[in-house]
C-alpha atoms as a PDB file:
ATOM      1  CA  MET A   1      75.790  40.481  -4.352  1.00  0.00           C
ATOM      2  CA  ALA A   2      74.984  41.228  -8.007  1.00  0.00           C
ATOM      3  CA  ILE A   3      74.150  44.778  -9.037  1.00  0.00           C
ATOM      4  CA  GLU A   4      71.475  45.054 -11.703  1.00  0.00           C
ATOM      5  CA  GLN A   5      72.223  46.871 -14.927  1.00  0.00           C
ATOM      6  CA  GLY A   6      70.884  50.380 -14.952  1.00  0.00           C
ATOM      7  CA  SER A   7      71.405  50.841 -11.224  1.00  0.00           C
ATOM      8  CA  GLU A   8      73.981  53.167  -9.733  1.00  0.00           C
ATOM      9  CA  PRO A   9      76.787  50.998  -8.306  1.00  0.00           C
ATOM     10  CA  PRO A  10      78.615  53.779  -6.426  1.00  0.00           C
ATOM     11  CA  ARG A  11      75.419  54.829  -4.645  1.00  0.00           C
ATOM     12  CA  SER A  12      74.459  51.217  -3.925  1.00  0.00           C
ATOM     13  CA  VAL A  13      77.880  50.427  -2.522  1.00  0.00           C
ATOM     14  CA  GLU A  14      77.829  53.592  -0.433  1.00  0.00           C
ATOM     15  CA  ARG A  15      74.504  52.615   1.107  1.00  0.00           C
ATOM     16  CA  LEU A  16      75.674  49.087   1.899  1.00  0.00           C
ATOM     17  CA  LEU A  17      78.882  50.326   3.488  1.00  0.00           C
ATOM     18  CA  THR A  18      76.968  52.909   5.506  1.00  0.00           C
ATOM     19  CA  ILE A  19      74.835  50.137   6.998  1.00  0.00           C
ATOM     20  CA  ILE A  20      77.827  47.900   7.738  1.00  0.00           C
ATOM     21  CA  GLU A  21      79.690  50.782   9.382  1.00  0.00           C
ATOM     22  CA  ALA A  22      76.667  51.638  11.537  1.00  0.00           C
ATOM     23  CA  LEU A  23      76.409  48.016  12.686  1.00  0.00           C
ATOM     24  CA  SER A  24      80.145  47.896  13.323  1.00  0.00           C
ATOM     25  CA  ASN A  25      79.940  51.013  15.483  1.00  0.00           C
ATOM     26  CA  ALA A  26      77.114  49.420  17.464  1.00  0.00           C
ATOM     27  CA  SER A  27      79.386  46.446  18.191  1.00  0.00           C
ATOM     28  CA  ALA A  28      77.822  43.754  20.400  1.00  0.00           C
ATOM     29  CA  ASN A  29      74.662  45.797  21.050  1.00  0.00           C
ATOM     30  CA  GLY A  30      73.397  45.565  17.499  1.00  0.00           C
ATOM     31  CA  LEU A  31      70.784  47.863  15.970  1.00  0.00           C
ATOM     32  CA  ARG A  32      67.047  47.698  15.407  1.00  0.00           C
ATOM     33  CA  LEU A  33      65.733  48.586  11.967  1.00  0.00           C
ATOM     34  CA  THR A  34      64.682  52.000  13.291  1.00  0.00           C
ATOM     35  CA  ASP A  35      68.218  52.508  14.647  1.00  0.00           C
ATOM     36  CA  VAL A  36      69.712  51.666  11.245  1.00  0.00           C
ATOM     37  CA  VAL A  37      67.361  54.148   9.590  1.00  0.00           C
ATOM     38  CA  GLU A  38      68.363  56.855  12.063  1.00  0.00           C
ATOM     39  CA  ALA A  39      72.099  56.108  11.807  1.00  0.00           C
ATOM     40  CA  THR A  40      72.221  55.953   8.008  1.00  0.00           C
ATOM     41  CA  GLY A  41      69.528  58.376   6.875  1.00  0.00           C
ATOM     42  CA  LEU A  42      68.067  55.703   4.614  1.00  0.00           C
ATOM     43  CA  GLY A  43      64.354  55.156   4.218  1.00  0.00           C
ATOM     44  CA  LYS A  44      62.857  52.308   6.201  1.00  0.00           C
ATOM     45  CA  THR A  45      61.969  50.250   3.125  1.00  0.00           C
ATOM     46  CA  THR A  46      65.410  50.745   1.570  1.00  0.00           C
ATOM     47  CA  ALA A  47      67.216  49.925   4.802  1.00  0.00           C
ATOM     48  CA  HIS A  48      65.153  46.772   5.303  1.00  0.00           C
ATOM     49  CA  ARG A  49      65.803  45.625   1.721  1.00  0.00           C
ATOM     50  CA  LEU A  50      69.545  46.211   1.980  1.00  0.00           C
ATOM     51  CA  LEU A  51      69.748  44.520   5.382  1.00  0.00           C
ATOM     52  CA  ASN A  52      68.019  41.456   3.971  1.00  0.00           C
ATOM     53  CA  GLY A  53      70.419  41.418   1.027  1.00  0.00           C
ATOM     54  CA  LEU A  54      73.429  41.661   3.332  1.00  0.00           C
ATOM     55  CA  ALA A  55      71.991  38.915   5.527  1.00  0.00           C
ATOM     56  CA  ASP A  56      71.590  36.661   2.478  1.00  0.00           C
ATOM     57  CA  GLN A  57      75.323  37.060   1.844  1.00  0.00           C
ATOM     58  CA  GLY A  58      76.316  36.373   5.455  1.00  0.00           C
ATOM     59  CA  LEU A  59      77.477  39.948   6.039  1.00  0.00           C
ATOM     60  CA  VAL A  60      74.702  40.744   8.516  1.00  0.00           C
ATOM     61  CA  ASP A  61      72.993  38.614  11.155  1.00  0.00           C
ATOM     62  CA  CYS A  62      69.530  39.247  12.583  1.00  0.00           C
ATOM     63  CA  ASP A  63      68.478  38.033  16.015  1.00  0.00           C
ATOM     64  CA  SER A  64      65.007  36.595  15.447  1.00  0.00           C
ATOM     65  CA  GLU A  65      64.010  37.181  19.073  1.00  0.00           C
ATOM     66  CA  THR A  66      65.059  40.813  19.449  1.00  0.00           C
ATOM     67  CA  GLY A  67      64.935  41.910  15.820  1.00  0.00           C
ATOM     68  CA  ARG A  68      68.389  43.444  16.196  1.00  0.00           C
ATOM     69  CA  TYR A  69      70.929  43.360  13.389  1.00  0.00           C
ATOM     70  CA  PHE A  70      74.629  42.625  13.860  1.00  0.00           C
ATOM     71  CA  VAL A  71      77.745  42.468  11.714  1.00  0.00           C
ATOM     72  CA  GLY A  72      77.832  38.980  10.188  1.00  0.00           C
ATOM     73  CA  ILE A  73      80.373  36.265  10.855  1.00  0.00           C
ATOM     74  CA  LYS A  74      81.609  36.395   7.251  1.00  0.00           C
ATOM     75  CA  ILE A  75      83.133  39.798   7.894  1.00  0.00           C
ATOM     76  CA  LEU A  76      85.429  38.189  10.473  1.00  0.00           C
ATOM     77  CA  SER A  77      87.250  36.351   7.703  1.00  0.00           C
ATOM     78  CA  TRP A  78      87.593  39.594   5.791  1.00  0.00           C
ATOM     79  CA  ALA A  79      88.899  41.342   8.888  1.00  0.00           C
ATOM     80  CA  SER A  80      91.437  38.565   9.404  1.00  0.00           C
ATOM     81  CA  ALA A  81      92.646  38.933   5.829  1.00  0.00           C
ATOM     82  CA  ALA A  82      92.961  42.698   6.275  1.00  0.00           C
ATOM     83  CA  ARG A  83      94.834  42.276   9.555  1.00  0.00           C
ATOM     84  CA  ASN A  84      97.340  39.960   7.887  1.00  0.00           C
ATOM     85  CA  ARG A  85      98.143  42.746   5.447  1.00  0.00           C
ATOM     86  CA  PHE A  86      99.431  44.913   8.254  1.00  0.00           C
ATOM     87  CA  SER A  87     103.031  43.882   8.899  1.00  0.00           C
ATOM     88  CA  ILE A  88     102.850  45.859  12.145  1.00  0.00           C
ATOM     89  CA  ALA A  89     100.091  43.595  13.452  1.00  0.00           C
ATOM     90  CA  ARG A  90     101.960  40.444  12.491  1.00  0.00           C
ATOM     91  CA  LEU A  91     105.340  41.511  13.816  1.00  0.00           C
ATOM     92  CA  ALA A  92     104.004  43.050  17.035  1.00  0.00           C
ATOM     93  CA  GLU A  93     102.159  39.911  18.129  1.00  0.00           C
ATOM     94  CA  PRO A  94     105.057  38.606  20.310  1.00  0.00           C
ATOM     95  CA  VAL A  95     105.279  42.046  21.926  1.00  0.00           C
ATOM     96  CA  LEU A  96     101.614  41.951  22.909  1.00  0.00           C
ATOM     97  CA  ILE A  97     102.014  38.459  24.348  1.00  0.00           C
ATOM     98  CA  ARG A  98     105.028  39.493  26.445  1.00  0.00           C
ATOM     99  CA  LEU A  99     103.323  42.638  27.716  1.00  0.00           C
ATOM    100  CA  ALA A 100     100.146  40.755  28.644  1.00  0.00           C
ATOM    101  CA  ARG A 101     102.198  38.262  30.641  1.00  0.00           C
ATOM    102  CA  ARG A 102     104.330  40.948  32.251  1.00  0.00           C
ATOM    103  CA  THR A 103     101.525  43.337  33.191  1.00  0.00           C
ATOM    104  CA  GLN A 104      98.752  40.735  33.626  1.00  0.00           C
ATOM    105  CA  ASP A 105      96.446  43.307  32.033  1.00  0.00           C
ATOM    106  CA  THR A 106      94.826  43.701  28.612  1.00  0.00           C
ATOM    107  CA  VAL A 107      97.198  44.935  25.908  1.00  0.00           C
ATOM    108  CA  TYR A 108      96.189  46.459  22.580  1.00  0.00           C
ATOM    109  CA  LEU A 109      97.963  47.365  19.374  1.00  0.00           C
ATOM    110  CA  ILE A 110      96.412  50.554  18.023  1.00  0.00           C
ATOM    111  CA  GLY A 111      97.020  51.633  14.431  1.00  0.00           C
ATOM    112  CA  ARG A 112      96.381  54.857  12.569  1.00  0.00           C
ATOM    113  CA  VAL A 113      94.048  55.142   9.594  1.00  0.00           C
ATOM    114  CA  GLY A 114      93.996  58.723   8.387  1.00  0.00           C
ATOM    115  CA  ASP A 115      92.527  60.834  11.183  1.00  0.00           C
ATOM    116  CA  GLU A 116      91.263  57.835  13.143  1.00  0.00           C
ATOM    117  CA  SER A 117      92.758  55.118  15.305  1.00  0.00           C
ATOM    118  CA  VAL A 118      91.853  51.462  14.839  1.00  0.00           C
ATOM    119  CA  CYS A 119      92.371  48.492  17.142  1.00  0.00           C
ATOM    120  CA  LEU A 120      94.572  46.025  15.225  1.00  0.00           C
ATOM    121  CA  ASP A 121      95.103  43.335  17.858  1.00  0.00           C
ATOM    122  CA  SER A 122      94.830  42.583  21.575  1.00  0.00           C
ATOM    123  CA  ARG A 123      95.938  40.113  24.229  1.00  0.00           C
ATOM    124  CA  GLU A 124      94.374  39.481  27.636  1.00  0.00           C
ATOM    125  CA  GLY A 125      96.470  39.205  30.786  1.00  0.00           C
ATOM    126  CA  SER A 126      95.846  36.901  33.727  1.00  0.00           C
ATOM    127  CA  PHE A 127      94.332  39.514  36.070  1.00  0.00           C
ATOM    128  CA  PRO A 128      90.798  38.271  36.827  1.00  0.00           C
ATOM    129  CA  ILE A 129      89.056  41.591  36.096  1.00  0.00           C
ATOM    130  CA  LYS A 130      89.221  42.006  32.323  1.00  0.00           C
ATOM    131  CA  ALA A 131      89.413  45.498  30.860  1.00  0.00           C
ATOM    132  CA  LEU A 132      87.957  44.784  27.432  1.00  0.00           C
ATOM    133  CA  THR A 133      87.383  48.348  26.276  1.00  0.00           C
ATOM    134  CA  LEU A 134      88.073  47.707  22.583  1.00  0.00           C
ATOM    135  CA  ASN A 135      87.358  45.074  19.976  1.00  0.00           C
ATOM    136  CA  VAL A 136      89.680  44.423  17.055  1.00  0.00           C
ATOM    137  CA  GLY A 137      88.487  46.698  14.269  1.00  0.00           C
ATOM    138  CA  ASP A 138      87.027  49.381  16.553  1.00  0.00           C
ATOM    139  CA  ARG A 139      87.744  52.892  15.281  1.00  0.00           C
ATOM    140  CA  ARG A 140      87.828  56.200  17.127  1.00  0.00           C
ATOM    141  CA  PRO A 141      88.794  59.765  16.261  1.00  0.00           C
ATOM    142  CA  LEU A 142      92.454  60.476  16.967  1.00  0.00           C
ATOM    143  CA  GLY A 143      92.808  61.631  20.566  1.00  0.00           C
ATOM    144  CA  ILE A 144      90.054  59.376  21.924  1.00  0.00           C
ATOM    145  CA  GLY A 145      91.699  56.636  23.980  1.00  0.00           C
ATOM    146  CA  ALA A 146      95.228  56.390  25.354  1.00  0.00           C
ATOM    147  CA  GLY A 147      96.821  54.879  22.240  1.00  0.00           C
ATOM    148  CA  SER A 148      95.010  57.303  19.971  1.00  0.00           C
ATOM    149  CA  LEU A 149      96.048  60.195  22.226  1.00  0.00           C
ATOM    150  CA  ALA A 150      99.692  59.072  22.240  1.00  0.00           C
ATOM    151  CA  MET A 151      99.740  59.117  18.433  1.00  0.00           C
ATOM    152  CA  LEU A 152      98.012  62.497  18.181  1.00  0.00           C
ATOM    153  CA  ALA A 153     100.403  64.101  20.677  1.00  0.00           C
ATOM    154  CA  ALA A 154     103.375  62.835  18.647  1.00  0.00           C
ATOM    155  CA  MET A 155     102.281  64.778  15.567  1.00  0.00           C
ATOM    156  CA  PRO A 156     103.415  68.277  14.535  1.00  0.00           C
ATOM    157  CA  ASP A 157     101.330  71.174  15.827  1.00  0.00           C
ATOM    158  CA  ASP A 158      99.864  72.042  12.417  1.00  0.00           C
ATOM    159  CA  GLU A 159      98.739  68.450  11.891  1.00  0.00           C
ATOM    160  CA  ILE A 160      97.117  68.399  15.326  1.00  0.00           C
ATOM    161  CA  GLU A 161      95.238  71.622  14.551  1.00  0.00           C
ATOM    162  CA  ARG A 162      93.951  70.215  11.265  1.00  0.00           C
ATOM    163  CA  ILE A 163      92.756  67.013  12.951  1.00  0.00           C
ATOM    164  CA  LEU A 164      91.075  68.868  15.817  1.00  0.00           C
ATOM    165  CA  VAL A 165      89.062  70.884  13.308  1.00  0.00           C
ATOM    166  CA  GLN A 166      88.181  68.032  10.965  1.00  0.00           C
ATOM    167  CA  GLN A 167      87.292  65.567  13.716  1.00  0.00           C
ATOM    168  CA  ALA A 168      85.275  67.982  15.879  1.00  0.00           C
ATOM    169  CA  GLU A 169      81.927  66.460  14.914  1.00  0.00           C
ATOM    170  CA  ALA A 170      83.192  62.882  15.307  1.00  0.00           C
ATOM    171  CA  ARG A 171      84.423  63.715  18.827  1.00  0.00           C
ATOM    172  CA  SER A 172      81.122  65.279  19.854  1.00  0.00           C
ATOM    173  CA  SER A 173      79.738  61.989  21.191  1.00  0.00           C
ATOM    174  CA  TYR A 174      82.540  61.810  23.764  1.00  0.00           C
ATOM    175  CA  SER A 175      82.384  63.508  27.104  1.00  0.00           C
ATOM    176  CA  PHE A 176      85.209  66.031  27.097  1.00  0.00           C
ATOM    177  CA  SER A 177      85.764  69.325  25.343  1.00  0.00           C
ATOM    178  CA  GLU A 178      88.393  70.350  22.819  1.00  0.00           C
ATOM    179  CA  ALA A 179      90.021  72.411  25.567  1.00  0.00           C
ATOM    180  CA  LYS A 180      90.328  69.299  27.727  1.00  0.00           C
ATOM    181  CA  LEU A 181      91.755  67.321  24.815  1.00  0.00           C
ATOM    182  CA  ARG A 182      94.359  70.034  24.249  1.00  0.00           C
ATOM    183  CA  GLU A 183      95.339  69.766  27.920  1.00  0.00           C
ATOM    184  CA  MET A 184      95.674  66.003  27.541  1.00  0.00           C
ATOM    185  CA  ILE A 185      97.858  66.422  24.443  1.00  0.00           C
ATOM    186  CA  GLU A 186     100.212  68.716  26.359  1.00  0.00           C
ATOM    187  CA  ALA A 187     100.270  66.348  29.346  1.00  0.00           C
ATOM    188  CA  THR A 188     101.097  63.462  27.002  1.00  0.00           C
ATOM    189  CA  ARG A 189     103.970  65.396  25.470  1.00  0.00           C
ATOM    190  CA  ARG A 190     105.354  66.216  28.905  1.00  0.00           C
ATOM    191  CA  SER A 191     105.095  62.683  30.291  1.00  0.00           C
ATOM    192  CA  GLY A 192     105.904  60.789  27.111  1.00  0.00           C
ATOM    193  CA  TYR A 193     102.806  58.588  27.314  1.00  0.00           C
ATOM    194  CA  GLY A 194      99.062  58.850  26.796  1.00  0.00           C
ATOM    195  CA  TYR A 195      96.766  58.361  29.782  1.00  0.00           C
ATOM    196  CA  ASN A 196      92.986  58.135  29.928  1.00  0.00           C
ATOM    197  CA  ASP A 197      90.593  57.408  32.750  1.00  0.00           C
ATOM    198  CA  VAL A 198      87.035  58.675  33.249  1.00  0.00           C
ATOM    199  CA  HIS A 199      87.546  61.403  30.638  1.00  0.00           C
ATOM    200  CA  ILE A 200      87.077  58.788  27.949  1.00  0.00           C
ATOM    201  CA  PHE A 201      85.029  56.186  29.765  1.00  0.00           C
ATOM    202  CA  GLU A 202      82.543  58.118  31.919  1.00  0.00           C
ATOM    203  CA  HIS A 203      79.936  58.230  29.138  1.00  0.00           C
ATOM    204  CA  MET A 204      80.172  54.443  28.741  1.00  0.00           C
ATOM    205  CA  LYS A 205      78.473  53.036  31.812  1.00  0.00           C
ATOM    206  CA  ASP A 206      80.002  49.571  31.421  1.00  0.00           C
ATOM    207  CA  LEU A 207      83.543  50.998  31.225  1.00  0.00           C
ATOM    208  CA  THR A 208      83.630  53.267  34.262  1.00  0.00           C
ATOM    209  CA  GLY A 209      86.440  52.444  36.651  1.00  0.00           C
ATOM    210  CA  MET A 210      88.830  51.697  33.774  1.00  0.00           C
ATOM    211  CA  ALA A 211      92.022  53.497  32.783  1.00  0.00           C
ATOM    212  CA  ALA A 212      94.682  53.118  30.104  1.00  0.00           C
ATOM    213  CA  VAL A 213      98.248  54.118  29.277  1.00  0.00           C
ATOM    214  CA  ALA A 214      99.993  53.998  25.893  1.00  0.00           C
ATOM    215  CA  VAL A 215     103.126  54.958  23.988  1.00  0.00           C
ATOM    216  CA  ALA A 216     103.321  55.844  20.299  1.00  0.00           C
ATOM    217  CA  ILE A 217     105.293  53.779  17.785  1.00  0.00           C
ATOM    218  CA  ARG A 218     107.009  55.942  15.166  1.00  0.00           C
ATOM    219  CA  ARG A 219     108.753  55.708  11.839  1.00  0.00           C
ATOM    220  CA  SER A 220     112.345  56.911  11.687  1.00  0.00           C
ATOM    221  CA  ASP A 221     111.091  60.338  10.529  1.00  0.00           C
ATOM    222  CA  GLY A 222     109.043  60.636  13.734  1.00  0.00           C
ATOM    223  CA  THR A 223     105.635  59.990  12.165  1.00  0.00           C
ATOM    224  CA  PRO A 224     103.429  57.997  14.576  1.00  0.00           C
ATOM    225  CA  VAL A 225     101.869  54.958  12.918  1.00  0.00           C
ATOM    226  CA  ALA A 226     100.747  52.841  15.877  1.00  0.00           C
ATOM    227  CA  ALA A 227     100.703  52.603  19.673  1.00  0.00           C
ATOM    228  CA  LEU A 228     101.101  50.032  22.430  1.00  0.00           C
ATOM    229  CA  HIS A 229      98.231  50.408  24.891  1.00  0.00           C
ATOM    230  CA  VAL A 230      97.494  48.789  28.268  1.00  0.00           C
ATOM    231  CA  THR A 231      94.043  48.968  29.873  1.00  0.00           C
ATOM    232  CA  SER A 232      93.157  47.963  33.431  1.00  0.00           C
ATOM    233  CA  VAL A 233      91.002  48.963  36.367  1.00  0.00           C
ATOM    234  CA  THR A 234      91.893  52.469  37.494  1.00  0.00           C
ATOM    235  CA  ALA A 235      93.432  51.364  40.792  1.00  0.00           C
ATOM    236  CA  ARG A 236      95.977  49.187  38.957  1.00  0.00           C
ATOM    237  CA  LEU A 237      97.165  52.142  36.891  1.00  0.00           C
ATOM    238  CA  ALA A 238      97.733  54.504  39.795  1.00  0.00           C
ATOM    239  CA  PRO A 239     101.333  55.498  40.646  1.00  0.00           C
ATOM    240  CA  PRO A 240     103.779  53.915  41.156  1.00  0.00           C
ATOM    241  CA  ARG A 241     102.493  50.932  39.169  1.00  0.00           C
ATOM    242  CA  ARG A 242     101.619  53.209  36.259  1.00  0.00           C
ATOM    243  CA  GLU A 243     105.269  54.162  35.883  1.00  0.00           C
ATOM    244  CA  ASN A 244     106.231  50.484  35.876  1.00  0.00           C
ATOM    245  CA  ILE A 245     103.719  49.776  33.116  1.00  0.00           C
ATOM    246  CA  VAL A 246     104.980  52.750  31.102  1.00  0.00           C
ATOM    247  CA  ALA A 247     108.557  51.498  31.529  1.00  0.00           C
ATOM    248  CA  ALA A 248     107.527  48.094  30.163  1.00  0.00           C
ATOM    249  CA  LEU A 249     105.733  49.722  27.230  1.00  0.00           C
ATOM    250  CA  THR A 250     108.706  51.974  26.495  1.00  0.00           C
ATOM    251  CA  GLN A 251     111.134  49.052  26.584  1.00  0.00           C
ATOM    252  CA  GLU A 252     109.032  46.975  24.200  1.00  0.00           C
ATOM    253  CA  ARG A 253     108.423  49.989  21.959  1.00  0.00           C
ATOM    254  CA  ALA A 254     112.171  50.630  21.637  1.00  0.00           C
ATOM    255  CA  GLN A 255     112.866  47.014  20.720  1.00  0.00           C
ATOM    256  CA  LEU A 256     109.955  46.921  18.303  1.00  0.00           C
ATOM    257  CA  GLU A 257     111.025  50.138  16.564  1.00  0.00           C
ATOM    258  CA  GLU A 258     114.587  48.853  16.223  1.00  0.00           C
ATOM    259  CA  GLU A 259     113.589  45.455  14.854  1.00  0.00           C
ATOM    260  CA  MET A 260     110.730  46.704  12.685  1.00  0.00           C
ATOM    261  CA  GLN A 261     112.149  49.986  11.391  1.00  0.00           C
ATOM    262  CA  PRO A 262     112.134  48.965   7.707  1.00  0.00           C
ATOM    263  CA  ALA A 263     108.521  47.814   8.011  1.00  0.00           C
ATOM    264  CA  LEU A 264     107.560  50.924   9.954  1.00  0.00           C
ATOM    265  CA  ASP A 265     109.230  53.219   7.423  1.00  0.00           C
ATOM    266  CA  ALA A 266     107.308  51.457   4.660  1.00  0.00           C
ATOM    267  CA  THR A 267     104.041  52.170   6.454  1.00  0.00           C
ATOM    268  CA  GLN A 268     102.082  54.865   4.658  1.00  0.00           C
ATOM    269  CA  VAL A 269      99.401  56.721   6.602  1.00  0.00           C
ATOM    270  CA  SER A 270      96.559  57.887   4.352  1.00  0.00           C
ATOM    271  CA  GLN A 271      92.971  58.947   4.835  1.00  0.00           C
ATOM    272  CA  ARG A 272      91.709  55.431   4.159  1.00  0.00           C
ATOM    273  CA  THR A 273      94.447  52.858   4.704  1.00  0.00           C
ATOM    274  CA  LEU A 274      97.378  51.942   6.861  1.00  0.00           C
ATOM    275  CA  ALA A 275      99.649  49.934   4.572  1.00  0.00           C
END
């Protein structure tokens, strides 16, 4: 999309990215024009003009019947290219396949991008009830979700405190308090794995009855850079099966860390990228 001379490219790019991020956060539900205006703070005319421009480039789709806007199919190819950059995602693919077969549940690879977690990949198991709580590319504040929680709990105390302060507003749309999150961090440290049930899902009506467990993947210096995460219906993650799932995750994590240590140690966690 060409930018006319005399315009302000940084501001234009910022506005476009704000719209794309809002649509990405809306996922399969999409957004109406009024929703985009509310989510981005843009004026209605500006938002409509930018949405049309993005649609012309294949970056946004508009449902003619509902008037809702969605992330465009073209972004999928960009996402695929970005995913291929992550050696963790490439090298962990066999691990996800094995875990999905072994557990019969949905398995996710969760990465860290600054103070957020991002879903890098997933595999569905054969159990007929699918626990599809994340899409590849979904981002959440660290601590929200089992994999995200496992990574947060593996960090030093001062880093946790910084993240809790900086991500307070981002966490406000979720249904538990900072005090509850601190309890969950301590429980994760004691057990060695992250666990979430209704504390994360109760505000999402279509995800109630789901639970998840996860273990953090670390560099040799102990820095968490990713997590292996299994989601299922709550009954399937009750003891003693939960311990069996955690054992499978721990076994695969150990093998993955051993085989991928050079790649993991080369992974740099920054505020914007996981490289």
